Amino acid sequence: MEHLGEKFVRDEIEIIPAKIEHIEIYQETVICRHCNGENDESSVIVSAKVPENLIKGSPATPSIVAFITYMKYINAVPLYRQEKSFLQEGVKIPRATMSN
């Protein structure tokens, strides 16, 4: 069989629901007991760099802040409705936290 050609049939639009993920960040710490000699009691301890968070002390990521801002100011969805929407997805984000 030889390829003869192809014909466009149609365009389709599909909805892919939003996904909320809980991301845990760990910091690895390593020790080198051989860096100062084997008989020396002091060892070198090094910790990996941790990515800075967007707002100090907050679990908010740039994507969630952008989404809340977009929903509030572009789509005019009040914070109490966003709070209910997040609860339906199993995530508790109080509207006071969103407004801060």
PDB file of N, CA and C in Angstrom:
ATOM      1  N   MET A   1       0.841  -1.176   0.000  1.00  0.00           N
ATOM      2  CA  MET A   1       0.000   0.000   0.000  1.00  0.00           C
ATOM      3  C   MET A   1       0.886   1.239   0.000  1.00  0.00           C
ATOM      4  N   GLU A   2       0.504   2.214  -0.779  1.00  0.00           N
ATOM      5  CA  GLU A   2       1.200   3.492  -0.850  1.00  0.00           C
ATOM      6  C   GLU A   2       0.350   4.566  -0.216  1.00  0.00           C
ATOM      7  N   HIS A   3       1.036   5.554   0.372  1.00  0.00           N
ATOM      8  CA  HIS A   3       0.329   6.694   0.963  1.00  0.00           C
ATOM      9  C   HIS A   3      -0.214   7.564  -0.153  1.00  0.00           C
ATOM     10  N   LEU A   4      -1.517   7.803  -0.154  1.00  0.00           N
ATOM     11  CA  LEU A   4      -2.160   8.593  -1.201  1.00  0.00           C
ATOM     12  C   LEU A   4      -2.351  10.037  -0.772  1.00  0.00           C
ATOM     13  N   GLY A   5      -2.541  10.263   0.507  1.00  0.00           N
ATOM     14  CA  GLY A   5      -2.778  11.617   1.015  1.00  0.00           C
ATOM     15  C   GLY A   5      -3.602  11.547   2.276  1.00  0.00           C
ATOM     16  N   GLU A   6      -4.006  12.721   2.751  1.00  0.00           N
ATOM     17  CA  GLU A   6      -4.861  12.772   3.936  1.00  0.00           C
ATOM     18  C   GLU A   6      -5.860  13.897   3.778  1.00  0.00           C
ATOM     19  N   LYS A   7      -6.997  13.753   4.463  1.00  0.00           N
ATOM     20  CA  LYS A   7      -8.080  14.718   4.354  1.00  0.00           C
ATOM     21  C   LYS A   7      -8.418  15.218   5.752  1.00  0.00           C
ATOM     22  N   PHE A   8      -8.550  16.553   5.918  1.00  0.00           N
ATOM     23  CA  PHE A   8      -8.953  17.139   7.194  1.00  0.00           C
ATOM     24  C   PHE A   8     -10.403  16.761   7.460  1.00  0.00           C
ATOM     25  N   VAL A   9     -10.664  16.259   8.692  1.00  0.00           N
ATOM     26  CA  VAL A   9     -12.006  15.817   9.031  1.00  0.00           C
ATOM     27  C   VAL A   9     -12.713  16.847   9.905  1.00  0.00           C
ATOM     28  N   ARG A  10     -12.068  17.256  11.045  1.00  0.00           N
ATOM     29  CA  ARG A  10     -12.706  18.225  11.939  1.00  0.00           C
ATOM     30  C   ARG A  10     -11.726  18.696  13.010  1.00  0.00           C
ATOM     31  N   ASP A  11     -12.083  19.783  13.701  1.00  0.00           N
ATOM     32  CA  ASP A  11     -11.411  20.255  14.913  1.00  0.00           C
ATOM     33  C   ASP A  11     -12.246  19.827  16.092  1.00  0.00           C
ATOM     34  N   GLU A  12     -11.597  19.493  17.191  1.00  0.00           N
ATOM     35  CA  GLU A  12     -12.308  19.156  18.419  1.00  0.00           C
ATOM     36  C   GLU A  12     -11.768  20.009  19.550  1.00  0.00           C
ATOM     37  N   ILE A  13     -12.632  20.328  20.489  1.00  0.00           N
ATOM     38  CA  ILE A  13     -12.251  21.073  21.680  1.00  0.00           C
ATOM     39  C   ILE A  13     -12.485  20.179  22.882  1.00  0.00           C
ATOM     40  N   GLU A  14     -11.465  20.036  23.704  1.00  0.00           N
ATOM     41  CA  GLU A  14     -11.544  19.164  24.865  1.00  0.00           C
ATOM     42  C   GLU A  14     -11.220  19.971  26.115  1.00  0.00           C
ATOM     43  N   ILE A  15     -11.916  19.692  27.204  1.00  0.00           N
ATOM     44  CA  ILE A  15     -11.648  20.350  28.482  1.00  0.00           C
ATOM     45  C   ILE A  15     -10.799  19.422  29.332  1.00  0.00           C
ATOM     46  N   ILE A  16      -9.680  19.945  29.802  1.00  0.00           N
ATOM     47  CA  ILE A  16      -8.815  19.211  30.718  1.00  0.00           C
ATOM     48  C   ILE A  16      -8.876  19.948  32.054  1.00  0.00           C
ATOM     49  N   PRO A  17      -9.509  19.341  33.068  1.00  0.00           N
ATOM     50  CA  PRO A  17      -9.691  20.033  34.346  1.00  0.00           C
ATOM     51  C   PRO A  17      -8.353  20.408  34.993  1.00  0.00           C
ATOM     52  N   ALA A  18      -8.415  21.495  35.774  1.00  0.00           N
ATOM     53  CA  ALA A  18      -7.223  21.940  36.506  1.00  0.00           C
ATOM     54  C   ALA A  18      -6.804  20.876  37.509  1.00  0.00           C
ATOM     55  N   LYS A  19      -5.534  20.877  37.817  1.00  0.00           N
ATOM     56  CA  LYS A  19      -4.984  19.898  38.749  1.00  0.00           C
ATOM     57  C   LYS A  19      -4.239  20.667  39.834  1.00  0.00           C
ATOM     58  N   ILE A  20      -4.530  20.347  41.078  1.00  0.00           N
ATOM     59  CA  ILE A  20      -3.850  20.975  42.205  1.00  0.00           C
ATOM     60  C   ILE A  20      -2.933  19.933  42.822  1.00  0.00           C
ATOM     61  N   GLU A  21      -1.652  20.261  42.941  1.00  0.00           N
ATOM     62  CA  GLU A  21      -0.688  19.331  43.499  1.00  0.00           C
ATOM     63  C   GLU A  21      -0.092  19.885  44.783  1.00  0.00           C
ATOM     64  N   HIS A  22       0.137  19.012  45.741  1.00  0.00           N
ATOM     65  CA  HIS A  22       0.845  19.356  46.978  1.00  0.00           C
ATOM     66  C   HIS A  22       2.294  18.935  46.765  1.00  0.00           C
ATOM     67  N   ILE A  23       3.191  19.901  46.787  1.00  0.00           N
ATOM     68  CA  ILE A  23       4.598  19.627  46.529  1.00  0.00           C
ATOM     69  C   ILE A  23       5.377  19.761  47.829  1.00  0.00           C
ATOM     70  N   GLU A  24       6.089  18.718  48.208  1.00  0.00           N
ATOM     71  CA  GLU A  24       6.925  18.754  49.405  1.00  0.00           C
ATOM     72  C   GLU A  24       8.366  18.973  48.979  1.00  0.00           C
ATOM     73  N   ILE A  25       9.029  19.930  49.614  1.00  0.00           N
ATOM     74  CA  ILE A  25      10.410  20.244  49.274  1.00  0.00           C
ATOM     75  C   ILE A  25      11.295  19.824  50.437  1.00  0.00           C
ATOM     76  N   TYR A  26      12.294  19.019  50.143  1.00  0.00           N
ATOM     77  CA  TYR A  26      13.238  18.552  51.150  1.00  0.00           C
ATOM     78  C   TYR A  26      14.611  19.149  50.861  1.00  0.00           C
ATOM     79  N   GLN A  27      15.376  19.358  51.903  1.00  0.00           N
ATOM     80  CA  GLN A  27      16.739  19.845  51.768  1.00  0.00           C
ATOM     81  C   GLN A  27      17.684  18.723  52.167  1.00  0.00           C
ATOM     82  N   GLU A  28      18.567  18.351  51.254  1.00  0.00           N
ATOM     83  CA  GLU A  28      19.514  17.278  51.522  1.00  0.00           C
ATOM     84  C   GLU A  28      20.728  17.849  52.258  1.00  0.00           C
ATOM     85  N   THR A  29      21.200  17.130  53.256  1.00  0.00           N
ATOM     86  CA  THR A  29      22.400  17.488  54.001  1.00  0.00           C
ATOM     87  C   THR A  29      23.367  16.316  53.916  1.00  0.00           C
ATOM     88  N   VAL A  30      24.610  16.629  53.589  1.00  0.00           N
ATOM     89  CA  VAL A  30      25.628  15.583  53.473  1.00  0.00           C
ATOM     90  C   VAL A  30      26.794  15.901  54.396  1.00  0.00           C
ATOM     91  N   ILE A  31      27.544  14.878  54.757  1.00  0.00           N
ATOM     92  CA  ILE A  31      28.697  15.040  55.649  1.00  0.00           C
ATOM     93  C   ILE A  31      29.905  14.366  55.011  1.00  0.00           C
ATOM     94  N   CYS A  32      31.060  15.005  55.139  1.00  0.00           N
ATOM     95  CA  CYS A  32      32.314  14.436  54.645  1.00  0.00           C
ATOM     96  C   CYS A  32      33.239  14.255  55.851  1.00  0.00           C
ATOM     97  N   ARG A  33      33.386  13.043  56.277  1.00  0.00           N
ATOM     98  CA  ARG A  33      34.221  12.749  57.435  1.00  0.00           C
ATOM     99  C   ARG A  33      35.708  12.731  57.065  1.00  0.00           C
ATOM    100  N   HIS A  34      36.015  12.696  55.776  1.00  0.00           N
ATOM    101  CA  HIS A  34      37.405  12.613  55.333  1.00  0.00           C
ATOM    102  C   HIS A  34      37.993  13.971  54.945  1.00  0.00           C
ATOM    103  N   CYS A  35      37.181  15.038  54.958  1.00  0.00           N
ATOM    104  CA  CYS A  35      37.657  16.344  54.508  1.00  0.00           C
ATOM    105  C   CYS A  35      38.700  16.940  55.460  1.00  0.00           C
ATOM    106  N   ASN A  36      38.626  16.701  56.751  1.00  0.00           N
ATOM    107  CA  ASN A  36      39.568  17.255  57.733  1.00  0.00           C
ATOM    108  C   ASN A  36      40.506  16.194  58.297  1.00  0.00           C
ATOM    109  N   GLY A  37      40.542  15.047  57.712  1.00  0.00           N
ATOM    110  CA  GLY A  37      41.407  13.978  58.210  1.00  0.00           C
ATOM    111  C   GLY A  37      40.605  12.982  59.015  1.00  0.00           C
ATOM    112  N   GLU A  38      41.090  11.755  59.065  1.00  0.00           N
ATOM    113  CA  GLU A  38      40.332  10.701  59.738  1.00  0.00           C
ATOM    114  C   GLU A  38      40.389  10.800  61.251  1.00  0.00           C
ATOM    115  N   ASN A  39      41.470  11.339  61.818  1.00  0.00           N
ATOM    116  CA  ASN A  39      41.603  11.399  63.271  1.00  0.00           C
ATOM    117  C   ASN A  39      40.957  12.641  63.863  1.00  0.00           C
ATOM    118  N   ASP A  40      40.616  13.594  63.030  1.00  0.00           N
ATOM    119  CA  ASP A  40      40.003  14.842  63.503  1.00  0.00           C
ATOM    120  C   ASP A  40      38.513  14.594  63.754  1.00  0.00           C
ATOM    121  N   GLU A  41      38.002  15.096  64.852  1.00  0.00           N
ATOM    122  CA  GLU A  41      36.588  14.900  65.203  1.00  0.00           C
ATOM    123  C   GLU A  41      35.666  15.806  64.389  1.00  0.00           C
ATOM    124  N   SER A  42      36.189  16.911  63.870  1.00  0.00           N
ATOM    125  CA  SER A  42      35.326  17.828  63.120  1.00  0.00           C
ATOM    126  C   SER A  42      35.165  17.339  61.690  1.00  0.00           C
ATOM    127  N   SER A  43      33.956  17.383  61.200  1.00  0.00           N
ATOM    128  CA  SER A  43      33.637  16.967  59.841  1.00  0.00           C
ATOM    129  C   SER A  43      32.984  18.134  59.118  1.00  0.00           C
ATOM    130  N   VAL A  44      32.984  18.083  57.811  1.00  0.00           N
ATOM    131  CA  VAL A  44      32.359  19.124  57.010  1.00  0.00           C
ATOM    132  C   VAL A  44      30.925  18.706  56.698  1.00  0.00           C
ATOM    133  N   ILE A  45      29.970  19.590  57.020  1.00  0.00           N
ATOM    134  CA  ILE A  45      28.553  19.341  56.754  1.00  0.00           C
ATOM    135  C   ILE A  45      28.082  20.393  55.756  1.00  0.00           C
ATOM    136  N   VAL A  46      27.455  19.945  54.691  1.00  0.00           N
ATOM    137  CA  VAL A  46      26.987  20.838  53.635  1.00  0.00           C
ATOM    138  C   VAL A  46      25.516  20.538  53.366  1.00  0.00           C
ATOM    139  N   SER A  47      24.720  21.611  53.246  1.00  0.00           N
ATOM    140  CA  SER A  47      23.300  21.472  52.904  1.00  0.00           C
ATOM    141  C   SER A  47      23.057  22.062  51.523  1.00  0.00           C
ATOM    142  N   ALA A  48      22.168  21.429  50.778  1.00  0.00           N
ATOM    143  CA  ALA A  48      21.825  21.903  49.438  1.00  0.00           C
ATOM    144  C   ALA A  48      21.037  23.203  49.543  1.00  0.00           C
ATOM    145  N   LYS A  49      21.118  24.007  48.489  1.00  0.00           N
ATOM    146  CA  LYS A  49      20.329  25.244  48.438  1.00  0.00           C
ATOM    147  C   LYS A  49      18.858  24.892  48.243  1.00  0.00           C
ATOM    148  N   VAL A  50      18.001  25.658  48.900  1.00  0.00           N
ATOM    149  CA  VAL A  50      16.560  25.459  48.796  1.00  0.00           C
ATOM    150  C   VAL A  50      15.994  26.603  47.961  1.00  0.00           C
ATOM    151  N   PRO A  51      15.126  26.310  47.001  1.00  0.00           N
ATOM    152  CA  PRO A  51      14.542  27.394  46.207  1.00  0.00           C
ATOM    153  C   PRO A  51      13.762  28.360  47.099  1.00  0.00           C
ATOM    154  N   GLU A  52      13.895  29.642  46.814  1.00  0.00           N
ATOM    155  CA  GLU A  52      13.177  30.667  47.584  1.00  0.00           C
ATOM    156  C   GLU A  52      11.680  30.545  47.308  1.00  0.00           C
ATOM    157  N   ASN A  53      10.872  30.790  48.336  1.00  0.00           N
ATOM    158  CA  ASN A  53       9.433  30.807  48.086  1.00  0.00           C
ATOM    159  C   ASN A  53       9.007  32.224  47.729  1.00  0.00           C
ATOM    160  N   LEU A  54       7.859  32.338  47.094  1.00  0.00           N
ATOM    161  CA  LEU A  54       7.378  33.615  46.592  1.00  0.00           C
ATOM    162  C   LEU A  54       7.118  34.602  47.724  1.00  0.00           C
ATOM    163  N   ILE A  55       6.415  34.142  48.744  1.00  0.00           N
ATOM    164  CA  ILE A  55       6.091  34.973  49.898  1.00  0.00           C
ATOM    165  C   ILE A  55       6.644  34.259  51.119  1.00  0.00           C
ATOM    166  N   LYS A  56       7.537  34.935  51.845  1.00  0.00           N
ATOM    167  CA  LYS A  56       8.209  34.299  52.984  1.00  0.00           C
ATOM    168  C   LYS A  56       7.184  33.758  53.983  1.00  0.00           C
ATOM    169  N   GLY A  57       7.364  32.501  54.366  1.00  0.00           N
ATOM    170  CA  GLY A  57       6.488  31.858  55.342  1.00  0.00           C
ATOM    171  C   GLY A  57       5.177  31.353  54.762  1.00  0.00           C
ATOM    172  N   SER A  58       5.007  31.466  53.462  1.00  0.00           N
ATOM    173  CA  SER A  58       3.760  31.063  52.823  1.00  0.00           C
ATOM    174  C   SER A  58       4.003  29.865  51.906  1.00  0.00           C
ATOM    175  N   PRO A  59       3.043  28.960  51.814  1.00  0.00           N
ATOM    176  CA  PRO A  59       3.187  27.843  50.871  1.00  0.00           C
ATOM    177  C   PRO A  59       2.788  28.223  49.443  1.00  0.00           C
ATOM    178  N   ALA A  60       2.442  29.492  49.214  1.00  0.00           N
ATOM    179  CA  ALA A  60       1.965  29.927  47.897  1.00  0.00           C
ATOM    180  C   ALA A  60       3.072  29.883  46.855  1.00  0.00           C
ATOM    181  N   THR A  61       2.712  29.371  45.689  1.00  0.00           N
ATOM    182  CA  THR A  61       3.620  29.353  44.552  1.00  0.00           C
ATOM    183  C   THR A  61       3.186  30.437  43.569  1.00  0.00           C
ATOM    184  N   PRO A  62       4.036  30.815  42.638  1.00  0.00           N
ATOM    185  CA  PRO A  62       3.623  31.818  41.648  1.00  0.00           C
ATOM    186  C   PRO A  62       2.365  31.424  40.883  1.00  0.00           C
ATOM    187  N   SER A  63       2.193  30.126  40.615  1.00  0.00           N
ATOM    188  CA  SER A  63       1.026  29.701  39.842  1.00  0.00           C
ATOM    189  C   SER A  63      -0.278  29.898  40.612  1.00  0.00           C
ATOM    190  N   ILE A  64      -0.291  29.605  41.914  1.00  0.00           N
ATOM    191  CA  ILE A  64      -1.535  29.767  42.684  1.00  0.00           C
ATOM    192  C   ILE A  64      -1.861  31.242  42.891  1.00  0.00           C
ATOM    193  N   VAL A  65      -0.838  32.075  43.100  1.00  0.00           N
ATOM    194  CA  VAL A  65      -1.070  33.522  43.253  1.00  0.00           C
ATOM    195  C   VAL A  65      -1.605  34.100  41.938  1.00  0.00           C
ATOM    196  N   ALA A  66      -1.020  33.680  40.815  1.00  0.00           N
ATOM    197  CA  ALA A  66      -1.490  34.152  39.516  1.00  0.00           C
ATOM    198  C   ALA A  66      -2.922  33.698  39.257  1.00  0.00           C
ATOM    199  N   PHE A  67      -3.241  32.454  39.622  1.00  0.00           N
ATOM    200  CA  PHE A  67      -4.591  31.932  39.402  1.00  0.00           C
ATOM    201  C   PHE A  67      -5.621  32.693  40.232  1.00  0.00           C
ATOM    202  N   ILE A  68      -5.336  32.914  41.511  1.00  0.00           N
ATOM    203  CA  ILE A  68      -6.266  33.646  42.387  1.00  0.00           C
ATOM    204  C   ILE A  68      -6.464  35.068  41.872  1.00  0.00           C
ATOM    205  N   THR A  69      -5.367  35.723  41.472  1.00  0.00           N
ATOM    206  CA  THR A  69      -5.449  37.093  40.951  1.00  0.00           C
ATOM    207  C   THR A  69      -6.252  37.128  39.657  1.00  0.00           C
ATOM    208  N   TYR A  70      -5.991  36.178  38.781  1.00  0.00           N
ATOM    209  CA  TYR A  70      -6.725  36.098  37.516  1.00  0.00           C
ATOM    210  C   TYR A  70      -8.217  35.905  37.760  1.00  0.00           C
ATOM    211  N   MET A  71      -8.556  34.954  38.636  1.00  0.00           N
ATOM    212  CA  MET A  71      -9.970  34.692  38.914  1.00  0.00           C
ATOM    213  C   MET A  71     -10.662  35.903  39.523  1.00  0.00           C
ATOM    214  N   LYS A  72      -9.964  36.619  40.420  1.00  0.00           N
ATOM    215  CA  LYS A  72     -10.584  37.753  41.102  1.00  0.00           C
ATOM    216  C   LYS A  72     -10.725  38.966  40.184  1.00  0.00           C
ATOM    217  N   TYR A  73      -9.663  39.336  39.512  1.00  0.00           N
ATOM    218  CA  TYR A  73      -9.674  40.604  38.787  1.00  0.00           C
ATOM    219  C   TYR A  73     -10.035  40.485  37.307  1.00  0.00           C
ATOM    220  N   ILE A  74      -9.822  39.371  36.682  1.00  0.00           N
ATOM    221  CA  ILE A  74     -10.185  39.212  35.272  1.00  0.00           C
ATOM    222  C   ILE A  74     -11.569  38.576  35.142  1.00  0.00           C
ATOM    223  N   ASN A  75     -11.831  37.521  35.930  1.00  0.00           N
ATOM    224  CA  ASN A  75     -13.120  36.829  35.843  1.00  0.00           C
ATOM    225  C   ASN A  75     -14.132  37.309  36.874  1.00  0.00           C
ATOM    226  N   ALA A  76     -13.737  38.220  37.757  1.00  0.00           N
ATOM    227  CA  ALA A  76     -14.624  38.804  38.773  1.00  0.00           C
ATOM    228  C   ALA A  76     -15.249  37.754  39.692  1.00  0.00           C
ATOM    229  N   VAL A  77     -14.469  36.745  40.068  1.00  0.00           N
ATOM    230  CA  VAL A  77     -14.941  35.709  40.991  1.00  0.00           C
ATOM    231  C   VAL A  77     -14.535  36.132  42.399  1.00  0.00           C
ATOM    232  N   PRO A  78     -15.514  36.380  43.289  1.00  0.00           N
ATOM    233  CA  PRO A  78     -15.179  36.800  44.653  1.00  0.00           C
ATOM    234  C   PRO A  78     -14.387  35.727  45.400  1.00  0.00           C
ATOM    235  N   LEU A  79     -13.648  36.166  46.411  1.00  0.00           N
ATOM    236  CA  LEU A  79     -12.798  35.240  47.161  1.00  0.00           C
ATOM    237  C   LEU A  79     -13.600  34.155  47.867  1.00  0.00           C
ATOM    238  N   TYR A  80     -14.808  34.466  48.329  1.00  0.00           N
ATOM    239  CA  TYR A  80     -15.583  33.433  49.020  1.00  0.00           C
ATOM    240  C   TYR A  80     -15.959  32.310  48.064  1.00  0.00           C
ATOM    241  N   ARG A  81     -16.181  32.640  46.783  1.00  0.00           N
ATOM    242  CA  ARG A  81     -16.483  31.596  45.802  1.00  0.00           C
ATOM    243  C   ARG A  81     -15.231  30.809  45.426  1.00  0.00           C
ATOM    244  N   GLN A  82     -14.096  31.486  45.381  1.00  0.00           N
ATOM    245  CA  GLN A  82     -12.842  30.776  45.124  1.00  0.00           C
ATOM    246  C   GLN A  82     -12.530  29.831  46.275  1.00  0.00           C
ATOM    247  N   GLU A  83     -12.803  30.293  47.503  1.00  0.00           N
ATOM    248  CA  GLU A  83     -12.582  29.457  48.685  1.00  0.00           C
ATOM    249  C   GLU A  83     -13.402  28.168  48.584  1.00  0.00           C
ATOM    250  N   LYS A  84     -14.676  28.294  48.207  1.00  0.00           N
ATOM    251  CA  LYS A  84     -15.537  27.117  48.049  1.00  0.00           C
ATOM    252  C   LYS A  84     -15.035  26.206  46.923  1.00  0.00           C
ATOM    253  N   SER A  85     -14.571  26.803  45.854  1.00  0.00           N
ATOM    254  CA  SER A  85     -14.053  26.030  44.732  1.00  0.00           C
ATOM    255  C   SER A  85     -12.813  25.229  45.137  1.00  0.00           C
ATOM    256  N   PHE A  86     -11.914  25.861  45.891  1.00  0.00           N
ATOM    257  CA  PHE A  86     -10.729  25.144  46.366  1.00  0.00           C
ATOM    258  C   PHE A  86     -11.122  24.025  47.325  1.00  0.00           C
ATOM    259  N   LEU A  87     -12.117  24.263  48.196  1.00  0.00           N
ATOM    260  CA  LEU A  87     -12.576  23.220  49.119  1.00  0.00           C
ATOM    261  C   LEU A  87     -13.128  22.009  48.358  1.00  0.00           C
ATOM    262  N   GLN A  88     -13.816  22.254  47.247  1.00  0.00           N
ATOM    263  CA  GLN A  88     -14.332  21.154  46.429  1.00  0.00           C
ATOM    264  C   GLN A  88     -13.194  20.312  45.858  1.00  0.00           C
ATOM    265  N   GLU A  89     -12.036  20.934  45.669  1.00  0.00           N
ATOM    266  CA  GLU A  89     -10.855  20.217  45.172  1.00  0.00           C
ATOM    267  C   GLU A  89     -10.044  19.603  46.308  1.00  0.00           C
ATOM    268  N   GLY A  90     -10.477  19.828  47.559  1.00  0.00           N
ATOM    269  CA  GLY A  90      -9.804  19.240  48.710  1.00  0.00           C
ATOM    270  C   GLY A  90      -8.671  20.090  49.273  1.00  0.00           C
ATOM    271  N   VAL A  91      -8.649  21.373  48.918  1.00  0.00           N
ATOM    272  CA  VAL A  91      -7.595  22.278  49.393  1.00  0.00           C
ATOM    273  C   VAL A  91      -8.248  23.395  50.195  1.00  0.00           C
ATOM    274  N   LYS A  92      -7.766  23.598  51.430  1.00  0.00           N
ATOM    275  CA  LYS A  92      -8.330  24.647  52.273  1.00  0.00           C
ATOM    276  C   LYS A  92      -7.440  25.888  52.186  1.00  0.00           C
ATOM    277  N   ILE A  93      -7.954  26.914  51.509  1.00  0.00           N
ATOM    278  CA  ILE A  93      -7.284  28.211  51.439  1.00  0.00           C
ATOM    279  C   ILE A  93      -8.330  29.247  51.859  1.00  0.00           C
ATOM    280  N   PRO A  94      -8.262  29.714  53.108  1.00  0.00           N
ATOM    281  CA  PRO A  94      -9.247  30.702  53.565  1.00  0.00           C
ATOM    282  C   PRO A  94      -9.168  31.996  52.760  1.00  0.00           C
ATOM    283  N   ARG A  95     -10.312  32.661  52.614  1.00  0.00           N
ATOM    284  CA  ARG A  95     -10.328  33.894  51.825  1.00  0.00           C
ATOM    285  C   ARG A  95      -9.467  34.975  52.455  1.00  0.00           C
ATOM    286  N   ALA A  96      -9.293  34.968  53.801  1.00  0.00           N
ATOM    287  CA  ALA A  96      -8.412  35.933  54.439  1.00  0.00           C
ATOM    288  C   ALA A  96      -6.967  35.739  53.976  1.00  0.00           C
ATOM    289  N   THR A  97      -6.584  34.489  53.803  1.00  0.00           N
ATOM    290  CA  THR A  97      -5.240  34.188  53.294  1.00  0.00           C
ATOM    291  C   THR A  97      -5.100  34.656  51.859  1.00  0.00           C
ATOM    292  N   MET A  98      -6.124  34.421  51.042  1.00  0.00           N
ATOM    293  CA  MET A  98      -6.071  34.874  49.650  1.00  0.00           C
ATOM    294  C   MET A  98      -6.007  36.381  49.557  1.00  0.00           C
ATOM    295  N   SER A  99      -6.745  37.076  50.405  1.00  0.00           N
ATOM    296  CA  SER A  99      -6.744  38.542  50.337  1.00  0.00           C
ATOM    297  C   SER A  99      -5.417  39.130  50.819  1.00  0.00           C
ATOM    298  N   ASN A 100      -4.748  38.429  51.742  1.00  0.00           N
ATOM    299  CA  ASN A 100      -3.432  38.923  52.185  1.00  0.00           C
ATOM    300  C   ASN A 100      -2.415  38.730  51.088  1.00  0.00           C
TER     301      ASN A 100
END
